[in-house]
Structure formats: structure tokens, C-alpha cells
Amino acid sequence: MDEAELVPLYYSVPRNLTITQIEQVLHIFKITPVSAAIITDIDDLELAQQLSEEVRQVSTLPDAFELAKTFGEPAVIVTKDTEFYAHYSNGTPFQISLEAQI
């Protein structure tokens, strides 16, 4: 098993996380650090700044997915989705359960 199968290319997180869920996500990022947070909506800036020191904004979600693949470490994308996912190089998303899932 190589590193690409173990370490996600990027994560996608819902924009309306609770404080407890943000703490859980940050705990996961201690294990697998992220290089940047990517947003498509300026309203997500505050959450993005909690998740990563570096924040990038793009116009569309497909642009966010493409940008996330360019970093040497996983990035995190703030989305309108309601679930937290790790996305791997083989294209498989893996849902990560959070306490009190939204």
C-alpha cells in the first residue's frame, strides 16, 4: 500500500459545522495536516481560517477540487455539503463521521 492510498488528496467539510465538530476536524488534521483551506464563498472565510493558516478562494467547486490536487499535502475545501469526506487519488471519497453530524 503506497502513501497515495493512505493520505487523502483533499478533504471536503460542510460549512455549517458546530464548534464540537470543528474541534473534531482539527484533531483529524493533527494526524494528517492540511496545507490550505479553499473556499468558493467569502462567507466561509471564518471557518476556513480556523482550519488552516493559508486560505484560497476560487470561483467554483470544480475549481476548488482542481486546486486542492495541486498541493503537496491534503487541502480542505469548505462546501455546502452536509457530510465530511476524505477524497483519495483513486477517486474514492470516504465519509468521516463526526459526533452530532449535521
PDB file of N, CA and C in Angstrom:
ATOM      1  N   MET A   1       0.851  -1.176   0.000  1.00  0.00           N
ATOM      2  CA  MET A   1       0.000   0.000   0.000  1.00  0.00           C
ATOM      3  C   MET A   1       0.896   1.239   0.000  1.00  0.00           C
ATOM      4  N   ASP A   2       0.680   2.125  -0.967  1.00  0.00           N
ATOM      5  CA  ASP A   2       1.523   3.320  -1.013  1.00  0.00           C
ATOM      6  C   ASP A   2       0.829   4.512  -0.337  1.00  0.00           C
ATOM      7  N   GLU A   3       1.600   5.577  -0.190  1.00  0.00           N
ATOM      8  CA  GLU A   3       1.116   6.757   0.535  1.00  0.00           C
ATOM      9  C   GLU A   3      -0.149   7.334  -0.076  1.00  0.00           C
ATOM     10  N   ALA A   4      -0.292   7.295  -1.399  1.00  0.00           N
ATOM     11  CA  ALA A   4      -1.470   7.851  -2.071  1.00  0.00           C
ATOM     12  C   ALA A   4      -2.744   7.140  -1.658  1.00  0.00           C
ATOM     13  N   GLU A   5      -2.618   5.891  -1.236  1.00  0.00           N
ATOM     14  CA  GLU A   5      -3.789   5.146  -0.784  1.00  0.00           C
ATOM     15  C   GLU A   5      -4.120   5.435   0.675  1.00  0.00           C
ATOM     16  N   LEU A   6      -3.162   5.977   1.408  1.00  0.00           N
ATOM     17  CA  LEU A   6      -3.357   6.220   2.837  1.00  0.00           C
ATOM     18  C   LEU A   6      -3.692   7.670   3.156  1.00  0.00           C
ATOM     19  N   VAL A   7      -3.099   8.602   2.421  1.00  0.00           N
ATOM     20  CA  VAL A   7      -3.262  10.023   2.702  1.00  0.00           C
ATOM     21  C   VAL A   7      -4.204  10.628   1.653  1.00  0.00           C
ATOM     22  N   PRO A   8      -5.263  11.299   2.096  1.00  0.00           N
ATOM     23  CA  PRO A   8      -6.192  11.896   1.130  1.00  0.00           C
ATOM     24  C   PRO A   8      -5.526  12.983   0.285  1.00  0.00           C
ATOM     25  N   LEU A   9      -6.014  13.161  -0.935  1.00  0.00           N
ATOM     26  CA  LEU A   9      -5.615  14.309  -1.754  1.00  0.00           C
ATOM     27  C   LEU A   9      -6.165  15.580  -1.127  1.00  0.00           C
ATOM     28  N   TYR A  10      -7.408  15.494  -0.660  1.00  0.00           N
ATOM     29  CA  TYR A  10      -8.054  16.641  -0.020  1.00  0.00           C
ATOM     30  C   TYR A  10      -9.248  16.168   0.795  1.00  0.00           C
ATOM     31  N   TYR A  11      -9.714  17.050   1.640  1.00  0.00           N
ATOM     32  CA  TYR A  11     -10.922  16.830   2.431  1.00  0.00           C
ATOM     33  C   TYR A  11     -11.983  17.819   1.964  1.00  0.00           C
ATOM     34  N   SER A  12     -13.241  17.465   2.158  1.00  0.00           N
ATOM     35  CA  SER A  12     -14.321  18.434   1.980  1.00  0.00           C
ATOM     36  C   SER A  12     -15.134  18.435   3.279  1.00  0.00           C
ATOM     37  N   VAL A  13     -15.382  19.637   3.785  1.00  0.00           N
ATOM     38  CA  VAL A  13     -16.114  19.775   5.045  1.00  0.00           C
ATOM     39  C   VAL A  13     -17.341  20.659   4.834  1.00  0.00           C
ATOM     40  N   PRO A  14     -18.416  20.380   5.575  1.00  0.00           N
ATOM     41  CA  PRO A  14     -19.600  21.231   5.476  1.00  0.00           C
ATOM     42  C   PRO A  14     -19.341  22.595   6.090  1.00  0.00           C
ATOM     43  N   ARG A  15     -19.970  23.597   5.536  1.00  0.00           N
ATOM     44  CA  ARG A  15     -19.759  24.965   6.019  1.00  0.00           C
ATOM     45  C   ARG A  15     -20.443  25.237   7.353  1.00  0.00           C
ATOM     46  N   ASN A  16     -21.411  24.451   7.736  1.00  0.00           N
ATOM     47  CA  ASN A  16     -22.146  24.743   8.967  1.00  0.00           C
ATOM     48  C   ASN A  16     -21.821  23.760  10.093  1.00  0.00           C
ATOM     49  N   LEU A  17     -20.536  23.573  10.341  1.00  0.00           N
ATOM     50  CA  LEU A  17     -20.091  22.723  11.442  1.00  0.00           C
ATOM     51  C   LEU A  17     -20.355  23.385  12.784  1.00  0.00           C
ATOM     52  N   THR A  18     -20.623  22.554  13.781  1.00  0.00           N
ATOM     53  CA  THR A  18     -20.734  23.052  15.144  1.00  0.00           C
ATOM     54  C   THR A  18     -19.331  23.236  15.712  1.00  0.00           C
ATOM     55  N   ILE A  19     -19.231  23.883  16.848  1.00  0.00           N
ATOM     56  CA  ILE A  19     -17.926  24.066  17.498  1.00  0.00           C
ATOM     57  C   ILE A  19     -17.297  22.709  17.813  1.00  0.00           C
ATOM     58  N   THR A  20     -18.099  21.774  18.300  1.00  0.00           N
ATOM     59  CA  THR A  20     -17.598  20.435  18.620  1.00  0.00           C
ATOM     60  C   THR A  20     -17.070  19.742  17.370  1.00  0.00           C
ATOM     61  N   GLN A  21     -17.783  19.882  16.266  1.00  0.00           N
ATOM     62  CA  GLN A  21     -17.348  19.252  15.023  1.00  0.00           C
ATOM     63  C   GLN A  21     -16.067  19.892  14.490  1.00  0.00           C
ATOM     64  N   ILE A  22     -15.948  21.201  14.626  1.00  0.00           N
ATOM     65  CA  ILE A  22     -14.705  21.873  14.214  1.00  0.00           C
ATOM     66  C   ILE A  22     -13.535  21.318  15.019  1.00  0.00           C
ATOM     67  N   GLU A  23     -13.719  21.140  16.308  1.00  0.00           N
ATOM     68  CA  GLU A  23     -12.663  20.574  17.153  1.00  0.00           C
ATOM     69  C   GLU A  23     -12.299  19.167  16.691  1.00  0.00           C
ATOM     70  N   GLN A  24     -13.296  18.362  16.299  1.00  0.00           N
ATOM     71  CA  GLN A  24     -13.032  17.011  15.812  1.00  0.00           C
ATOM     72  C   GLN A  24     -12.238  17.044  14.501  1.00  0.00           C
ATOM     73  N   VAL A  25     -12.624  17.932  13.604  1.00  0.00           N
ATOM     74  CA  VAL A  25     -11.916  18.070  12.331  1.00  0.00           C
ATOM     75  C   VAL A  25     -10.470  18.496  12.583  1.00  0.00           C
ATOM     76  N   LEU A  26     -10.272  19.464  13.462  1.00  0.00           N
ATOM     77  CA  LEU A  26      -8.917  19.919  13.776  1.00  0.00           C
ATOM     78  C   LEU A  26      -8.076  18.800  14.378  1.00  0.00           C
ATOM     79  N   HIS A  27      -8.703  17.935  15.147  1.00  0.00           N
ATOM     80  CA  HIS A  27      -7.990  16.783  15.712  1.00  0.00           C
ATOM     81  C   HIS A  27      -7.528  15.850  14.582  1.00  0.00           C
ATOM     82  N   ILE A  28      -8.383  15.613  13.605  1.00  0.00           N
ATOM     83  CA  ILE A  28      -8.006  14.789  12.454  1.00  0.00           C
ATOM     84  C   ILE A  28      -6.847  15.444  11.702  1.00  0.00           C
ATOM     85  N   PHE A  29      -6.882  16.771  11.584  1.00  0.00           N
ATOM     86  CA  PHE A  29      -5.830  17.484  10.860  1.00  0.00           C
ATOM     87  C   PHE A  29      -4.503  17.481  11.622  1.00  0.00           C
ATOM     88  N   LYS A  30      -4.513  17.145  12.921  1.00  0.00           N
ATOM     89  CA  LYS A  30      -3.254  16.961  13.649  1.00  0.00           C
ATOM     90  C   LYS A  30      -2.569  15.677  13.171  1.00  0.00           C
ATOM     91  N   ILE A  31      -3.381  14.711  12.772  1.00  0.00           N
ATOM     92  CA  ILE A  31      -2.846  13.433  12.294  1.00  0.00           C
ATOM     93  C   ILE A  31      -2.415  13.555  10.832  1.00  0.00           C
ATOM     94  N   THR A  32      -3.262  14.180  10.036  1.00  0.00           N
ATOM     95  CA  THR A  32      -2.974  14.407   8.614  1.00  0.00           C
ATOM     96  C   THR A  32      -3.111  15.904   8.354  1.00  0.00           C
ATOM     97  N   PRO A  33      -2.034  16.665   8.495  1.00  0.00           N
ATOM     98  CA  PRO A  33      -2.118  18.128   8.344  1.00  0.00           C
ATOM     99  C   PRO A  33      -2.582  18.550   6.947  1.00  0.00           C
ATOM    100  N   VAL A  34      -3.253  19.691   6.903  1.00  0.00           N
ATOM    101  CA  VAL A  34      -3.675  20.251   5.616  1.00  0.00           C
ATOM    102  C   VAL A  34      -2.805  21.457   5.281  1.00  0.00           C
ATOM    103  N   SER A  35      -2.612  21.663   3.993  1.00  0.00           N
ATOM    104  CA  SER A  35      -1.755  22.750   3.529  1.00  0.00           C
ATOM    105  C   SER A  35      -2.515  24.050   3.341  1.00  0.00           C
ATOM    106  N   ALA A  36      -3.812  23.957   3.061  1.00  0.00           N
ATOM    107  CA  ALA A  36      -4.611  25.166   2.812  1.00  0.00           C
ATOM    108  C   ALA A  36      -6.089  24.831   2.909  1.00  0.00           C
ATOM    109  N   ALA A  37      -6.875  25.860   3.141  1.00  0.00           N
ATOM    110  CA  ALA A  37      -8.331  25.753   3.078  1.00  0.00           C
ATOM    111  C   ALA A  37      -8.776  26.502   1.829  1.00  0.00           C
ATOM    112  N   ILE A  38      -9.720  25.921   1.113  1.00  0.00           N
ATOM    113  CA  ILE A  38     -10.203  26.505  -0.133  1.00  0.00           C
ATOM    114  C   ILE A  38     -11.691  26.789   0.004  1.00  0.00           C
ATOM    115  N   ILE A  39     -12.081  28.001  -0.378  1.00  0.00           N
ATOM    116  CA  ILE A  39     -13.486  28.395  -0.302  1.00  0.00           C
ATOM    117  C   ILE A  39     -13.962  28.898  -1.664  1.00  0.00           C
ATOM    118  N   THR A  40     -15.276  28.823  -1.866  1.00  0.00           N
ATOM    119  CA  THR A  40     -15.889  29.413  -3.058  1.00  0.00           C
ATOM    120  C   THR A  40     -16.807  30.564  -2.672  1.00  0.00           C
ATOM    121  N   ASP A  41     -17.041  30.716  -1.374  1.00  0.00           N
ATOM    122  CA  ASP A  41     -17.948  31.748  -0.866  1.00  0.00           C
ATOM    123  C   ASP A  41     -17.245  32.489   0.271  1.00  0.00           C
ATOM    124  N   ILE A  42     -17.170  33.793   0.177  1.00  0.00           N
ATOM    125  CA  ILE A  42     -16.474  34.592   1.195  1.00  0.00           C
ATOM    126  C   ILE A  42     -17.084  34.412   2.578  1.00  0.00           C
ATOM    127  N   ASP A  43     -18.352  33.998   2.646  1.00  0.00           N
ATOM    128  CA  ASP A  43     -18.988  33.747   3.938  1.00  0.00           C
ATOM    129  C   ASP A  43     -18.339  32.589   4.684  1.00  0.00           C
ATOM    130  N   ASP A  44     -17.559  31.783   3.995  1.00  0.00           N
ATOM    131  CA  ASP A  44     -16.879  30.640   4.619  1.00  0.00           C
ATOM    132  C   ASP A  44     -15.478  30.979   5.127  1.00  0.00           C
ATOM    133  N   LEU A  45     -15.083  32.234   4.998  1.00  0.00           N
ATOM    134  CA  LEU A  45     -13.725  32.637   5.363  1.00  0.00           C
ATOM    135  C   LEU A  45     -13.405  32.353   6.824  1.00  0.00           C
ATOM    136  N   GLU A  46     -14.305  32.672   7.723  1.00  0.00           N
ATOM    137  CA  GLU A  46     -14.033  32.477   9.155  1.00  0.00           C
ATOM    138  C   GLU A  46     -13.760  31.007   9.473  1.00  0.00           C
ATOM    139  N   LEU A  47     -14.582  30.114   8.948  1.00  0.00           N
ATOM    140  CA  LEU A  47     -14.354  28.681   9.169  1.00  0.00           C
ATOM    141  C   LEU A  47     -13.027  28.259   8.543  1.00  0.00           C
ATOM    142  N   ALA A  48     -12.762  28.709   7.324  1.00  0.00           N
ATOM    143  CA  ALA A  48     -11.527  28.341   6.634  1.00  0.00           C
ATOM    144  C   ALA A  48     -10.300  28.762   7.443  1.00  0.00           C
ATOM    145  N   GLN A  49     -10.352  29.938   8.042  1.00  0.00           N
ATOM    146  CA  GLN A  49      -9.225  30.426   8.840  1.00  0.00           C
ATOM    147  C   GLN A  49      -9.027  29.600  10.103  1.00  0.00           C
ATOM    148  N   GLN A  50     -10.080  28.972  10.587  1.00  0.00           N
ATOM    149  CA  GLN A  50      -9.940  28.080  11.739  1.00  0.00           C
ATOM    150  C   GLN A  50      -9.292  26.757  11.333  1.00  0.00           C
ATOM    151  N   LEU A  51      -9.472  26.377  10.079  1.00  0.00           N
ATOM    152  CA  LEU A  51      -8.985  25.082   9.614  1.00  0.00           C
ATOM    153  C   LEU A  51      -7.560  25.116   9.078  1.00  0.00           C
ATOM    154  N   SER A  52      -7.114  26.281   8.590  1.00  0.00           N
ATOM    155  CA  SER A  52      -5.779  26.381   8.009  1.00  0.00           C
ATOM    156  C   SER A  52      -5.296  27.821   8.044  1.00  0.00           C
ATOM    157  N   GLU A  53      -3.988  27.992   8.165  1.00  0.00           N
ATOM    158  CA  GLU A  53      -3.413  29.339   8.126  1.00  0.00           C
ATOM    159  C   GLU A  53      -3.497  29.940   6.725  1.00  0.00           C
ATOM    160  N   GLU A  54      -3.412  29.087   5.703  1.00  0.00           N
ATOM    161  CA  GLU A  54      -3.490  29.562   4.328  1.00  0.00           C
ATOM    162  C   GLU A  54      -4.900  29.326   3.788  1.00  0.00           C
ATOM    163  N   VAL A  55      -5.504  30.363   3.241  1.00  0.00           N
ATOM    164  CA  VAL A  55      -6.849  30.269   2.672  1.00  0.00           C
ATOM    165  C   VAL A  55      -6.789  30.774   1.231  1.00  0.00           C
ATOM    166  N   ARG A  56      -7.407  30.017   0.338  1.00  0.00           N
ATOM    167  CA  ARG A  56      -7.505  30.420  -1.065  1.00  0.00           C
ATOM    168  C   ARG A  56      -8.978  30.452  -1.448  1.00  0.00           C
ATOM    169  N   GLN A  57      -9.345  31.413  -2.280  1.00  0.00           N
ATOM    170  CA  GLN A  57     -10.718  31.480  -2.780  1.00  0.00           C
ATOM    171  C   GLN A  57     -10.716  31.268  -4.288  1.00  0.00           C
ATOM    172  N   VAL A  58     -11.646  30.445  -4.755  1.00  0.00           N
ATOM    173  CA  VAL A  58     -11.837  30.203  -6.181  1.00  0.00           C
ATOM    174  C   VAL A  58     -13.310  30.436  -6.501  1.00  0.00           C
ATOM    175  N   SER A  59     -13.636  30.459  -7.777  1.00  0.00           N
ATOM    176  CA  SER A  59     -14.992  30.793  -8.208  1.00  0.00           C
ATOM    177  C   SER A  59     -15.987  29.645  -8.086  1.00  0.00           C
ATOM    178  N   THR A  60     -15.529  28.425  -8.379  1.00  0.00           N
ATOM    179  CA  THR A  60     -16.463  27.297  -8.420  1.00  0.00           C
ATOM    180  C   THR A  60     -15.923  26.101  -7.649  1.00  0.00           C
ATOM    181  N   LEU A  61     -16.812  25.201  -7.298  1.00  0.00           N
ATOM    182  CA  LEU A  61     -16.404  23.982  -6.609  1.00  0.00           C
ATOM    183  C   LEU A  61     -15.488  23.109  -7.475  1.00  0.00           C
ATOM    184  N   PRO A  62     -15.766  22.934  -8.777  1.00  0.00           N
ATOM    185  CA  PRO A  62     -14.804  22.187  -9.598  1.00  0.00           C
ATOM    186  C   PRO A  62     -13.403  22.824  -9.579  1.00  0.00           C
ATOM    187  N   ASP A  63     -13.342  24.163  -9.577  1.00  0.00           N
ATOM    188  CA  ASP A  63     -12.039  24.832  -9.468  1.00  0.00           C
ATOM    189  C   ASP A  63     -11.375  24.505  -8.129  1.00  0.00           C
ATOM    190  N   ALA A  64     -12.173  24.436  -7.076  1.00  0.00           N
ATOM    191  CA  ALA A  64     -11.642  24.107  -5.744  1.00  0.00           C
ATOM    192  C   ALA A  64     -11.057  22.698  -5.735  1.00  0.00           C
ATOM    193  N   PHE A  65     -11.780  21.746  -6.341  1.00  0.00           N
ATOM    194  CA  PHE A  65     -11.278  20.371  -6.391  1.00  0.00           C
ATOM    195  C   PHE A  65      -9.965  20.297  -7.176  1.00  0.00           C
ATOM    196  N   GLU A  66      -9.879  21.007  -8.282  1.00  0.00           N
ATOM    197  CA  GLU A  66      -8.653  21.009  -9.086  1.00  0.00           C
ATOM    198  C   GLU A  66      -7.490  21.651  -8.321  1.00  0.00           C
ATOM    199  N   LEU A  67      -7.739  22.788  -7.658  1.00  0.00           N
ATOM    200  CA  LEU A  67      -6.695  23.449  -6.883  1.00  0.00           C
ATOM    201  C   LEU A  67      -6.214  22.558  -5.743  1.00  0.00           C
ATOM    202  N   ALA A  68      -7.138  21.878  -5.086  1.00  0.00           N
ATOM    203  CA  ALA A  68      -6.779  21.020  -3.954  1.00  0.00           C
ATOM    204  C   ALA A  68      -5.799  19.930  -4.349  1.00  0.00           C
ATOM    205  N   LYS A  69      -5.865  19.484  -5.592  1.00  0.00           N
ATOM    206  CA  LYS A  69      -4.983  18.411  -6.067  1.00  0.00           C
ATOM    207  C   LYS A  69      -3.554  18.889  -6.314  1.00  0.00           C
ATOM    208  N   THR A  70      -3.323  20.208  -6.304  1.00  0.00           N
ATOM    209  CA  THR A  70      -2.006  20.741  -6.651  1.00  0.00           C
ATOM    210  C   THR A  70      -1.067  20.904  -5.462  1.00  0.00           C
ATOM    211  N   PHE A  71      -1.575  20.769  -4.255  1.00  0.00           N
ATOM    212  CA  PHE A  71      -0.747  20.943  -3.068  1.00  0.00           C
ATOM    213  C   PHE A  71       0.018  19.658  -2.772  1.00  0.00           C
ATOM    214  N   GLY A  72       1.129  19.773  -2.086  1.00  0.00           N
ATOM    215  CA  GLY A  72       1.909  18.597  -1.720  1.00  0.00           C
ATOM    216  C   GLY A  72       1.305  17.824  -0.565  1.00  0.00           C
ATOM    217  N   GLU A  73       0.462  18.478   0.196  1.00  0.00           N
ATOM    218  CA  GLU A  73      -0.244  17.852   1.318  1.00  0.00           C
ATOM    219  C   GLU A  73      -1.730  18.032   1.070  1.00  0.00           C
ATOM    220  N   PRO A  74      -2.570  17.298   1.801  1.00  0.00           N
ATOM    221  CA  PRO A  74      -4.007  17.479   1.610  1.00  0.00           C
ATOM    222  C   PRO A  74      -4.442  18.922   1.890  1.00  0.00           C
ATOM    223  N   ALA A  75      -5.440  19.358   1.162  1.00  0.00           N
ATOM    224  CA  ALA A  75      -6.090  20.644   1.413  1.00  0.00           C
ATOM    225  C   ALA A  75      -7.491  20.332   1.932  1.00  0.00           C
ATOM    226  N   VAL A  76      -8.181  21.351   2.378  1.00  0.00           N
ATOM    227  CA  VAL A  76      -9.567  21.176   2.818  1.00  0.00           C
ATOM    228  C   VAL A  76     -10.437  22.175   2.061  1.00  0.00           C
ATOM    229  N   ILE A  77     -11.552  21.695   1.558  1.00  0.00           N
ATOM    230  CA  ILE A  77     -12.500  22.527   0.819  1.00  0.00           C
ATOM    231  C   ILE A  77     -13.757  22.676   1.660  1.00  0.00           C
ATOM    232  N   VAL A  78     -14.186  23.904   1.870  1.00  0.00           N
ATOM    233  CA  VAL A  78     -15.427  24.162   2.594  1.00  0.00           C
ATOM    234  C   VAL A  78     -16.554  24.146   1.562  1.00  0.00           C
ATOM    235  N   THR A  79     -17.562  23.291   1.791  1.00  0.00           N
ATOM    236  CA  THR A  79     -18.633  23.097   0.815  1.00  0.00           C
ATOM    237  C   THR A  79     -20.020  23.285   1.438  1.00  0.00           C
ATOM    238  N   LYS A  80     -21.021  23.285   0.569  1.00  0.00           N
ATOM    239  CA  LYS A  80     -22.420  23.336   1.009  1.00  0.00           C
ATOM    240  C   LYS A  80     -22.925  21.960   1.413  1.00  0.00           C
ATOM    241  N   ASP A  81     -22.110  20.947   1.191  1.00  0.00           N
ATOM    242  CA  ASP A  81     -22.495  19.578   1.520  1.00  0.00           C
ATOM    243  C   ASP A  81     -22.785  19.459   3.019  1.00  0.00           C
ATOM    244  N   THR A  82     -23.365  18.359   3.428  1.00  0.00           N
ATOM    245  CA  THR A  82     -23.671  18.163   4.851  1.00  0.00           C
ATOM    246  C   THR A  82     -22.802  17.096   5.504  1.00  0.00           C
ATOM    247  N   GLU A  83     -21.862  16.555   4.749  1.00  0.00           N
ATOM    248  CA  GLU A  83     -21.002  15.488   5.265  1.00  0.00           C
ATOM    249  C   GLU A  83     -19.527  15.878   5.133  1.00  0.00           C
ATOM    250  N   PHE A  84     -18.698  15.218   5.929  1.00  0.00           N
ATOM    251  CA  PHE A  84     -17.247  15.411   5.928  1.00  0.00           C
ATOM    252  C   PHE A  84     -16.634  14.228   5.187  1.00  0.00           C
ATOM    253  N   TYR A  85     -15.822  14.505   4.163  1.00  0.00           N
ATOM    254  CA  TYR A  85     -15.231  13.449   3.352  1.00  0.00           C
ATOM    255  C   TYR A  85     -13.724  13.620   3.223  1.00  0.00           C
ATOM    256  N   ALA A  86     -13.040  12.490   3.104  1.00  0.00           N
ATOM    257  CA  ALA A  86     -11.653  12.442   2.659  1.00  0.00           C
ATOM    258  C   ALA A  86     -11.703  11.920   1.232  1.00  0.00           C
ATOM    259  N   HIS A  87     -11.015  12.604   0.314  1.00  0.00           N
ATOM    260  CA  HIS A  87     -11.011  12.222  -1.102  1.00  0.00           C
ATOM    261  C   HIS A  87      -9.621  11.713  -1.462  1.00  0.00           C
ATOM    262  N   TYR A  88      -9.561  10.517  -2.045  1.00  0.00           N
ATOM    263  CA  TYR A  88      -8.293   9.864  -2.344  1.00  0.00           C
ATOM    264  C   TYR A  88      -7.971   9.919  -3.834  1.00  0.00           C
ATOM    265  N   SER A  89      -6.711   9.641  -4.171  1.00  0.00           N
ATOM    266  CA  SER A  89      -6.239   9.754  -5.556  1.00  0.00           C
ATOM    267  C   SER A  89      -6.950   8.797  -6.505  1.00  0.00           C
ATOM    268  N   ASN A  90      -7.495   7.711  -5.996  1.00  0.00           N
ATOM    269  CA  ASN A  90      -8.208   6.772  -6.863  1.00  0.00           C
ATOM    270  C   ASN A  90      -9.639   7.236  -7.152  1.00  0.00           C
ATOM    271  N   GLY A  91      -9.997   8.428  -6.638  1.00  0.00           N
ATOM    272  CA  GLY A  91     -11.321   8.992  -6.888  1.00  0.00           C
ATOM    273  C   GLY A  91     -12.362   8.611  -5.863  1.00  0.00           C
ATOM    274  N   THR A  92     -11.973   7.812  -4.889  1.00  0.00           N
ATOM    275  CA  THR A  92     -12.931   7.344  -3.898  1.00  0.00           C
ATOM    276  C   THR A  92     -13.060   8.332  -2.739  1.00  0.00           C
ATOM    277  N   PRO A  93     -14.278   8.852  -2.500  1.00  0.00           N
ATOM    278  CA  PRO A  93     -14.483   9.657  -1.296  1.00  0.00           C
ATOM    279  C   PRO A  93     -14.822   8.729  -0.123  1.00  0.00           C
ATOM    280  N   PHE A  94     -14.309   9.050   1.037  1.00  0.00           N
ATOM    281  CA  PHE A  94     -14.580   8.274   2.245  1.00  0.00           C
ATOM    282  C   PHE A  94     -15.246   9.197   3.250  1.00  0.00           C
ATOM    283  N   GLN A  95     -16.473   8.863   3.641  1.00  0.00           N
ATOM    284  CA  GLN A  95     -17.183   9.708   4.606  1.00  0.00           C
ATOM    285  C   GLN A  95     -16.616   9.502   5.999  1.00  0.00           C
ATOM    286  N   ILE A  96     -16.345  10.619   6.669  1.00  0.00           N
ATOM    287  CA  ILE A  96     -15.837  10.585   8.036  1.00  0.00           C
ATOM    288  C   ILE A  96     -16.964  11.054   8.951  1.00  0.00           C
ATOM    289  N   SER A  97     -17.326  10.206   9.890  1.00  0.00           N
ATOM    290  CA  SER A  97     -18.413  10.546  10.802  1.00  0.00           C
ATOM    291  C   SER A  97     -17.926  11.493  11.889  1.00  0.00           C
ATOM    292  N   LEU A  98     -18.736  12.488  12.165  1.00  0.00           N
ATOM    293  CA  LEU A  98     -18.468  13.420  13.243  1.00  0.00           C
ATOM    294  C   LEU A  98     -19.584  13.297  14.264  1.00  0.00           C
ATOM    295  N   GLU A  99     -19.226  13.480  15.529  1.00  0.00           N
ATOM    296  CA  GLU A  99     -20.226  13.472  16.583  1.00  0.00           C
ATOM    297  C   GLU A  99     -21.252  14.548  16.286  1.00  0.00           C
ATOM    298  N   ALA A 100     -22.507  14.240  16.514  1.00  0.00           N
ATOM    299  CA  ALA A 100     -23.588  15.185  16.271  1.00  0.00           C
ATOM    300  C   ALA A 100     -23.542  15.690  14.828  1.00  0.00           C
ATOM    301  N   GLN A 101     -23.486  14.717  13.905  1.00  0.00           N
ATOM    302  CA  GLN A 101     -23.423  15.050  12.475  1.00  0.00           C
ATOM    303  C   GLN A 101     -24.545  16.001  12.110  1.00  0.00           C
ATOM    304  N   ILE A 102     -24.237  16.973  11.281  1.00  0.00           N
ATOM    305  CA  ILE A 102     -25.253  17.966  10.906  1.00  0.00           C
ATOM    306  C   ILE A 102     -26.171  17.424   9.825  1.00  0.00           C
TER     307      ILE A 102
END
